């Protein structure tokens, strides 16, 4: 499901923009910590996208598997809830 992959990419971009804003407008220690947190979240989203793209190529299928993406998104939710 390409729309799900696009949504993950957009979430990553949003997190990266927040990271940039945190560092640009407030260079404090707390802002840098927030920026790193946003960057970690973006990395998680992009890791899911990359894994799905690799799976699609391996399967010879150009469309993403919605169930697989939903499972990966649940992993991100679990990771985010475990992050302080």
PDB file of N, CA and C in Angstrom:
ATOM      1  N   UNK A   1       0.851  -1.178   0.000  1.00  0.00           N
ATOM      2  CA  UNK A   1       0.000   0.000   0.000  1.00  0.00           C
ATOM      3  C   UNK A   1       0.898   1.243   0.000  1.00  0.00           C
ATOM      4  N   UNK A   2       1.096   1.829  -1.170  1.00  0.00           N
ATOM      5  CA  UNK A   2       1.977   2.996  -1.285  1.00  0.00           C
ATOM      6  C   UNK A   2       1.550   4.172  -0.408  1.00  0.00           C
ATOM      7  N   UNK A   3       0.258   4.332  -0.152  1.00  0.00           N
ATOM      8  CA  UNK A   3      -0.186   5.441   0.687  1.00  0.00           C
ATOM      9  C   UNK A   3       0.349   5.325   2.107  1.00  0.00           C
ATOM     10  N   UNK A   4       0.428   4.103   2.617  1.00  0.00           N
ATOM     11  CA  UNK A   4       0.959   3.894   3.965  1.00  0.00           C
ATOM     12  C   UNK A   4       2.441   4.244   4.008  1.00  0.00           C
ATOM     13  N   UNK A   5       3.175   3.847   2.972  1.00  0.00           N
ATOM     14  CA  UNK A   5       4.596   4.190   2.917  1.00  0.00           C
ATOM     15  C   UNK A   5       4.784   5.700   2.814  1.00  0.00           C
ATOM     16  N   UNK A   6       3.954   6.334   2.028  1.00  0.00           N
ATOM     17  CA  UNK A   6       4.031   7.790   1.899  1.00  0.00           C
ATOM     18  C   UNK A   6       3.738   8.464   3.236  1.00  0.00           C
ATOM     19  N   UNK A   7       2.778   7.924   3.965  1.00  0.00           N
ATOM     20  CA  UNK A   7       2.431   8.484   5.261  1.00  0.00           C
ATOM     21  C   UNK A   7       3.611   8.351   6.239  1.00  0.00           C
ATOM     22  N   UNK A   8       4.293   7.207   6.208  1.00  0.00           N
ATOM     23  CA  UNK A   8       5.468   7.025   7.062  1.00  0.00           C
ATOM     24  C   UNK A   8       6.577   8.006   6.698  1.00  0.00           C
ATOM     25  N   UNK A   9       6.771   8.218   5.408  1.00  0.00           N
ATOM     26  CA  UNK A   9       7.789   9.188   4.961  1.00  0.00           C
ATOM     27  C   UNK A   9       7.442  10.595   5.443  1.00  0.00           C
ATOM     28  N   UNK A  10       6.160  10.942   5.352  1.00  0.00           N
ATOM     29  CA  UNK A  10       5.735  12.266   5.803  1.00  0.00           C
ATOM     30  C   UNK A  10       5.897  12.429   7.309  1.00  0.00           C
ATOM     31  N   UNK A  11       5.621  11.369   8.067  1.00  0.00           N
ATOM     32  CA  UNK A  11       5.843  11.418   9.524  1.00  0.00           C
ATOM     33  C   UNK A  11       7.318  11.641   9.827  1.00  0.00           C
ATOM     34  N   UNK A  12       8.180  10.972   9.090  1.00  0.00           N
ATOM     35  CA  UNK A  12       9.627  11.149   9.281  1.00  0.00           C
ATOM     36  C   UNK A  12      10.034  12.583   8.971  1.00  0.00           C
ATOM     37  N   UNK A  13       9.501  13.131   7.888  1.00  0.00           N
ATOM     38  CA  UNK A  13       9.828  14.516   7.532  1.00  0.00           C
ATOM     39  C   UNK A  13       9.366  15.500   8.608  1.00  0.00           C
ATOM     40  N   UNK A  14       8.192  15.264   9.153  1.00  0.00           N
ATOM     41  CA  UNK A  14       7.679  16.131  10.219  1.00  0.00           C
ATOM     42  C   UNK A  14       8.608  16.085  11.422  1.00  0.00           C
ATOM     43  N   UNK A  15       9.008  14.876  11.820  1.00  0.00           N
ATOM     44  CA  UNK A  15       9.925  14.758  12.957  1.00  0.00           C
ATOM     45  C   UNK A  15      11.255  15.450  12.670  1.00  0.00           C
ATOM     46  N   UNK A  16      11.759  15.322  11.454  1.00  0.00           N
ATOM     47  CA  UNK A  16      13.027  15.973  11.116  1.00  0.00           C
ATOM     48  C   UNK A  16      12.887  17.502  11.130  1.00  0.00           C
ATOM     49  N   UNK A  17      11.727  17.992  10.710  1.00  0.00           N
ATOM     50  CA  UNK A  17      11.498  19.445  10.771  1.00  0.00           C
ATOM     51  C   UNK A  17      11.451  19.938  12.215  1.00  0.00           C
ATOM     52  N   UNK A  18      10.786  19.158  13.084  1.00  0.00           N
ATOM     53  CA  UNK A  18      10.765  19.524  14.500  1.00  0.00           C
ATOM     54  C   UNK A  18      12.176  19.528  15.080  1.00  0.00           C
ATOM     55  N   UNK A  19      12.975  18.550  14.693  1.00  0.00           N
ATOM     56  CA  UNK A  19      14.363  18.492  15.178  1.00  0.00           C
ATOM     57  C   UNK A  19      15.122  19.735  14.736  1.00  0.00           C
ATOM     58  N   UNK A  20      14.959  20.107  13.491  1.00  0.00           N
ATOM     59  CA  UNK A  20      15.631  21.296  12.970  1.00  0.00           C
ATOM     60  C   UNK A  20      15.185  22.551  13.710  1.00  0.00           C
ATOM     61  N   UNK A  21      13.882  22.671  13.932  1.00  0.00           N
ATOM     62  CA  UNK A  21      13.364  23.846  14.636  1.00  0.00           C
ATOM     63  C   UNK A  21      13.871  23.910  16.073  1.00  0.00           C
ATOM     64  N   UNK A  22      13.922  22.759  16.733  1.00  0.00           N
ATOM     65  CA  UNK A  22      14.432  22.736  18.106  1.00  0.00           C
ATOM     66  C   UNK A  22      15.847  23.281  18.172  1.00  0.00           C
ATOM     67  N   UNK A  23      16.674  22.884  17.227  1.00  0.00           N
ATOM     68  CA  UNK A  23      18.080  23.303  17.257  1.00  0.00           C
ATOM     69  C   UNK A  23      18.244  24.734  16.746  1.00  0.00           C
ATOM     70  N   UNK A  24      17.461  25.099  15.721  1.00  0.00           N
ATOM     71  CA  UNK A  24      17.574  26.434  15.135  1.00  0.00           C
ATOM     72  C   UNK A  24      17.155  27.540  16.094  1.00  0.00           C
ATOM     73  N   UNK A  25      16.020  27.341  16.743  1.00  0.00           N
ATOM     74  CA  UNK A  25      15.454  28.421  17.549  1.00  0.00           C
ATOM     75  C   UNK A  25      15.826  28.363  19.021  1.00  0.00           C
ATOM     76  N   UNK A  26      16.306  27.216  19.463  1.00  0.00           N
ATOM     77  CA  UNK A  26      16.659  27.079  20.868  1.00  0.00           C
ATOM     78  C   UNK A  26      17.802  26.083  20.966  1.00  0.00           C
ATOM     79  N   UNK A  27      18.992  26.562  21.085  1.00  0.00           N
ATOM     80  CA  UNK A  27      20.156  25.689  21.121  1.00  0.00           C
ATOM     81  C   UNK A  27      20.465  25.141  22.496  1.00  0.00           C
ATOM     82  N   UNK A  28      19.501  25.195  23.387  1.00  0.00           N
ATOM     83  CA  UNK A  28      19.736  24.725  24.755  1.00  0.00           C
ATOM     84  C   UNK A  28      19.926  23.211  24.789  1.00  0.00           C
ATOM     85  N   UNK A  29      20.370  22.754  25.923  1.00  0.00           N
ATOM     86  CA  UNK A  29      20.587  21.324  26.126  1.00  0.00           C
ATOM     87  C   UNK A  29      19.281  20.539  25.940  1.00  0.00           C
ATOM     88  N   UNK A  30      18.199  21.077  26.474  1.00  0.00           N
ATOM     89  CA  UNK A  30      16.900  20.414  26.353  1.00  0.00           C
ATOM     90  C   UNK A  30      16.443  20.358  24.893  1.00  0.00           C
ATOM     91  N   UNK A  31      16.690  21.436  24.157  1.00  0.00           N
ATOM     92  CA  UNK A  31      16.299  21.476  22.747  1.00  0.00           C
ATOM     93  C   UNK A  31      17.074  20.448  21.933  1.00  0.00           C
ATOM     94  N   UNK A  32      18.340  20.307  22.232  1.00  0.00           N
ATOM     95  CA  UNK A  32      19.149  19.316  21.519  1.00  0.00           C
ATOM     96  C   UNK A  32      18.659  17.904  21.863  1.00  0.00           C
ATOM     97  N   UNK A  33      18.299  17.673  23.116  1.00  0.00           N
ATOM     98  CA  UNK A  33      17.762  16.367  23.512  1.00  0.00           C
ATOM     99  C   UNK A  33      16.453  16.086  22.779  1.00  0.00           C
ATOM    100  N   UNK A  34      15.586  17.101  22.667  1.00  0.00           N
ATOM    101  CA  UNK A  34      14.325  16.937  21.927  1.00  0.00           C
ATOM    102  C   UNK A  34      14.611  16.650  20.459  1.00  0.00           C
ATOM    103  N   UNK A  35      15.579  17.359  19.899  1.00  0.00           N
ATOM    104  CA  UNK A  35      15.936  17.167  18.490  1.00  0.00           C
ATOM    105  C   UNK A  35      16.414  15.735  18.254  1.00  0.00           C
ATOM    106  N   UNK A  36      17.218  15.220  19.165  1.00  0.00           N
ATOM    107  CA  UNK A  36      17.686  13.840  19.031  1.00  0.00           C
ATOM    108  C   UNK A  36      16.524  12.858  19.128  1.00  0.00           C
ATOM    109  N   UNK A  37      15.578  13.145  19.984  1.00  0.00           N
ATOM    110  CA  UNK A  37      14.390  12.287  20.110  1.00  0.00           C
ATOM    111  C   UNK A  37      13.599  12.290  18.806  1.00  0.00           C
ATOM    112  N   UNK A  38      13.397  13.476  18.227  1.00  0.00           N
ATOM    113  CA  UNK A  38      12.696  13.572  16.943  1.00  0.00           C
ATOM    114  C   UNK A  38      13.462  12.825  15.850  1.00  0.00           C
ATOM    115  N   UNK A  39      14.774  12.952  15.845  1.00  0.00           N
ATOM    116  CA  UNK A  39      15.592  12.271  14.844  1.00  0.00           C
ATOM    117  C   UNK A  39      15.477  10.750  15.000  1.00  0.00           C
ATOM    118  N   UNK A  40      15.429  10.277  16.227  1.00  0.00           N
ATOM    119  CA  UNK A  40      15.259   8.838  16.475  1.00  0.00           C
ATOM    120  C   UNK A  40      13.913   8.347  15.941  1.00  0.00           C
ATOM    121  N   UNK A  41      12.877   9.143  16.155  1.00  0.00           N
ATOM    122  CA  UNK A  41      11.561   8.761  15.649  1.00  0.00           C
ATOM    123  C   UNK A  41      11.560   8.731  14.121  1.00  0.00           C
ATOM    124  N   UNK A  42      12.184   9.719  13.502  1.00  0.00           N
ATOM    125  CA  UNK A  42      12.268   9.758  12.043  1.00  0.00           C
ATOM    126  C   UNK A  42      13.015   8.532  11.530  1.00  0.00           C
ATOM    127  N   UNK A  43      14.089   8.173  12.210  1.00  0.00           N
ATOM    128  CA  UNK A  43      14.859   6.990  11.813  1.00  0.00           C
ATOM    129  C   UNK A  43      13.996   5.730  11.885  1.00  0.00           C
ATOM    130  N   UNK A  44      13.180   5.616  12.924  1.00  0.00           N
ATOM    131  CA  UNK A  44      12.305   4.452  13.055  1.00  0.00           C
ATOM    132  C   UNK A  44      11.324   4.372  11.886  1.00  0.00           C
ATOM    133  N   UNK A  45      10.718   5.499  11.545  1.00  0.00           N
ATOM    134  CA  UNK A  45       9.790   5.519  10.406  1.00  0.00           C
ATOM    135  C   UNK A  45      10.500   5.137   9.114  1.00  0.00           C
ATOM    136  N   UNK A  46      11.661   5.726   8.885  1.00  0.00           N
ATOM    137  CA  UNK A  46      12.383   5.459   7.642  1.00  0.00           C
ATOM    138  C   UNK A  46      12.924   4.037   7.590  1.00  0.00           C
ATOM    139  N   UNK A  47      13.237   3.457   8.730  1.00  0.00           N
ATOM    140  CA  UNK A  47      13.675   2.059   8.770  1.00  0.00           C
ATOM    141  C   UNK A  47      12.554   1.133   8.311  1.00  0.00           C
ATOM    142  N   UNK A  48      11.334   1.459   8.713  1.00  0.00           N
ATOM    143  CA  UNK A  48      10.178   0.666   8.280  1.00  0.00           C
ATOM    144  C   UNK A  48       9.999   0.793   6.776  1.00  0.00           C
ATOM    145  N   UNK A  49      10.112   2.005   6.268  1.00  0.00           N
ATOM    146  CA  UNK A  49       9.962   2.231   4.829  1.00  0.00           C
ATOM    147  C   UNK A  49      11.028   1.438   4.063  1.00  0.00           C
ATOM    148  N   UNK A  50      12.268   1.527   4.504  1.00  0.00           N
ATOM    149  CA  UNK A  50      13.348   0.823   3.826  1.00  0.00           C
ATOM    150  C   UNK A  50      13.131  -0.688   3.870  1.00  0.00           C
ATOM    151  N   UNK A  51      12.768  -1.212   5.029  1.00  0.00           N
ATOM    152  CA  UNK A  51      12.533  -2.651   5.147  1.00  0.00           C
ATOM    153  C   UNK A  51      11.417  -3.105   4.216  1.00  0.00           C
ATOM    154  N   UNK A  52      10.371  -2.304   4.124  1.00  0.00           N
ATOM    155  CA  UNK A  52       9.254  -2.661   3.252  1.00  0.00           C
ATOM    156  C   UNK A  52       9.674  -2.616   1.786  1.00  0.00           C
ATOM    157  N   UNK A  53      10.453  -1.620   1.415  1.00  0.00           N
ATOM    158  CA  UNK A  53      10.914  -1.524   0.029  1.00  0.00           C
ATOM    159  C   UNK A  53      11.821  -2.703  -0.323  1.00  0.00           C
ATOM    160  N   UNK A  54      12.658  -3.117   0.612  1.00  0.00           N
ATOM    161  CA  UNK A  54      13.534  -4.273   0.380  1.00  0.00           C
ATOM    162  C   UNK A  54      12.682  -5.533   0.234  1.00  0.00           C
ATOM    163  N   UNK A  55      11.675  -5.687   1.100  1.00  0.00           N
ATOM    164  CA  UNK A  55      10.781  -6.845   1.013  1.00  0.00           C
ATOM    165  C   UNK A  55      10.052  -6.878  -0.322  1.00  0.00           C
ATOM    166  N   UNK A  56       9.605  -5.718  -0.767  1.00  0.00           N
ATOM    167  CA  UNK A  56       8.874  -5.652  -2.032  1.00  0.00           C
ATOM    168  C   UNK A  56       9.757  -6.069  -3.197  1.00  0.00           C
ATOM    169  N   UNK A  57      11.000  -5.633  -3.190  1.00  0.00           N
ATOM    170  CA  UNK A  57      11.923  -5.998  -4.266  1.00  0.00           C
ATOM    171  C   UNK A  57      12.211  -7.494  -4.212  1.00  0.00           C
ATOM    172  N   UNK A  58      12.413  -8.019  -3.004  1.00  0.00           N
ATOM    173  CA  UNK A  58      12.703  -9.446  -2.841  1.00  0.00           C
ATOM    174  C   UNK A  58      11.535 -10.304  -3.309  1.00  0.00           C
ATOM    175  N   UNK A  59      10.332  -9.847  -3.091  1.00  0.00           N
ATOM    176  CA  UNK A  59       9.140 -10.590  -3.494  1.00  0.00           C
ATOM    177  C   UNK A  59       8.768 -10.322  -4.947  1.00  0.00           C
ATOM    178  N   UNK A  60       9.417  -9.339  -5.561  1.00  0.00           N
ATOM    179  CA  UNK A  60       9.066  -8.977  -6.923  1.00  0.00           C
ATOM    180  C   UNK A  60       7.743  -8.251  -7.004  1.00  0.00           C
ATOM    181  N   UNK A  61       7.296  -7.714  -5.879  1.00  0.00           N
ATOM    182  CA  UNK A  61       6.012  -7.026  -5.796  1.00  0.00           C
ATOM    183  C   UNK A  61       6.276  -5.549  -5.576  1.00  0.00           C
ATOM    184  N   UNK A  62       5.711  -4.698  -6.431  1.00  0.00           N
ATOM    185  CA  UNK A  62       5.949  -3.266  -6.294  1.00  0.00           C
ATOM    186  C   UNK A  62       5.005  -2.598  -5.303  1.00  0.00           C
ATOM    187  N   UNK A  63       3.956  -3.281  -4.897  1.00  0.00           N
ATOM    188  CA  UNK A  63       3.025  -2.682  -3.933  1.00  0.00           C
ATOM    189  C   UNK A  63       3.348  -3.217  -2.542  1.00  0.00           C
ATOM    190  N   UNK A  64       3.219  -2.358  -1.547  1.00  0.00           N
ATOM    191  CA  UNK A  64       3.544  -2.743  -0.168  1.00  0.00           C
ATOM    192  C   UNK A  64       2.422  -3.572   0.433  1.00  0.00           C
ATOM    193  N   UNK A  65       2.771  -4.476   1.322  1.00  0.00           N
ATOM    194  CA  UNK A  65       1.806  -5.311   2.006  1.00  0.00           C
ATOM    195  C   UNK A  65       1.252  -4.550   3.210  1.00  0.00           C
ATOM    196  N   UNK A  66      -0.027  -4.263   3.199  1.00  0.00           N
ATOM    197  CA  UNK A  66      -0.639  -3.429   4.240  1.00  0.00           C
ATOM    198  C   UNK A  66      -0.511  -4.058   5.623  1.00  0.00           C
ATOM    199  N   UNK A  67      -0.693  -5.351   5.734  1.00  0.00           N
ATOM    200  CA  UNK A  67      -0.592  -6.001   7.048  1.00  0.00           C
ATOM    201  C   UNK A  67       0.813  -5.876   7.609  1.00  0.00           C
ATOM    202  N   UNK A  68       1.812  -6.004   6.756  1.00  0.00           N
ATOM    203  CA  UNK A  68       3.198  -5.885   7.200  1.00  0.00           C
ATOM    204  C   UNK A  68       3.493  -4.475   7.684  1.00  0.00           C
ATOM    205  N   UNK A  69       2.994  -3.484   6.973  1.00  0.00           N
ATOM    206  CA  UNK A  69       3.208  -2.094   7.362  1.00  0.00           C
ATOM    207  C   UNK A  69       2.488  -1.805   8.676  1.00  0.00           C
ATOM    208  N   UNK A  70       1.266  -2.313   8.819  1.00  0.00           N
ATOM    209  CA  UNK A  70       0.534  -2.090  10.068  1.00  0.00           C
ATOM    210  C   UNK A  70       1.277  -2.701  11.241  1.00  0.00           C
ATOM    211  N   UNK A  71       1.847  -3.886  11.050  1.00  0.00           N
ATOM    212  CA  UNK A  71       2.627  -4.513  12.110  1.00  0.00           C
ATOM    213  C   UNK A  71       3.839  -3.684  12.454  1.00  0.00           C
ATOM    214  N   UNK A  72       4.502  -3.150  11.439  1.00  0.00           N
ATOM    215  CA  UNK A  72       5.678  -2.312  11.670  1.00  0.00           C
ATOM    216  C   UNK A  72       5.297  -1.018  12.376  1.00  0.00           C
ATOM    217  N   UNK A  73       4.151  -0.449  12.007  1.00  0.00           N
ATOM    218  CA  UNK A  73       3.707   0.770  12.650  1.00  0.00           C
ATOM    219  C   UNK A  73       3.395   0.512  14.117  1.00  0.00           C
ATOM    220  N   UNK A  74       2.845  -0.683  14.436  1.00  0.00           N
ATOM    221  CA  UNK A  74       2.599  -1.002  15.845  1.00  0.00           C
ATOM    222  C   UNK A  74       3.902  -1.082  16.611  1.00  0.00           C
ATOM    223  N   UNK A  75       4.965  -1.585  15.951  1.00  0.00           N
ATOM    224  CA  UNK A  75       6.272  -1.643  16.607  1.00  0.00           C
ATOM    225  C   UNK A  75       6.755  -0.239  16.947  1.00  0.00           C
ATOM    226  N   UNK A  76       6.528   0.715  16.051  1.00  0.00           N
ATOM    227  CA  UNK A  76       6.938   2.093  16.311  1.00  0.00           C
ATOM    228  C   UNK A  76       6.161   2.659  17.487  1.00  0.00           C
ATOM    229  N   UNK A  77       4.862   2.364  17.553  1.00  0.00           N
ATOM    230  CA  UNK A  77       4.050   2.853  18.664  1.00  0.00           C
ATOM    231  C   UNK A  77       4.581   2.292  19.978  1.00  0.00           C
ATOM    232  N   UNK A  78       4.937   1.016  19.984  1.00  0.00           N
ATOM    233  CA  UNK A  78       5.483   0.403  21.194  1.00  0.00           C
ATOM    234  C   UNK A  78       6.816   1.056  21.547  1.00  0.00           C
ATOM    235  N   UNK A  79       7.674   1.274  20.538  1.00  0.00           N
ATOM    236  CA  UNK A  79       8.962   1.911  20.785  1.00  0.00           C
ATOM    237  C   UNK A  79       8.778   3.329  21.313  1.00  0.00           C
ATOM    238  N   UNK A  80       7.853   4.064  20.728  1.00  0.00           N
ATOM    239  CA  UNK A  80       7.629   5.444  21.157  1.00  0.00           C
ATOM    240  C   UNK A  80       7.090   5.482  22.583  1.00  0.00           C
ATOM    241  N   UNK A  81       6.233   4.533  22.938  1.00  0.00           N
ATOM    242  CA  UNK A  81       5.673   4.554  24.292  1.00  0.00           C
ATOM    243  C   UNK A  81       6.719   4.149  25.327  1.00  0.00           C
ATOM    244  N   UNK A  82       7.728   3.391  24.902  1.00  0.00           N
ATOM    245  CA  UNK A  82       8.785   2.977  25.825  1.00  0.00           C
ATOM    246  C   UNK A  82       9.850   4.045  25.989  1.00  0.00           C
ATOM    247  N   UNK A  83       9.871   5.035  25.078  1.00  0.00           N
ATOM    248  CA  UNK A  83      10.872   6.097  25.127  1.00  0.00           C
ATOM    249  C   UNK A  83      10.465   7.144  26.156  1.00  0.00           C
ATOM    250  N   UNK A  84      11.414   7.567  27.008  1.00  0.00           N
ATOM    251  CA  UNK A  84      11.064   8.565  28.034  1.00  0.00           C
ATOM    252  C   UNK A  84      10.701   9.905  27.452  1.00  0.00           C
TER     253      UNK A  84
END
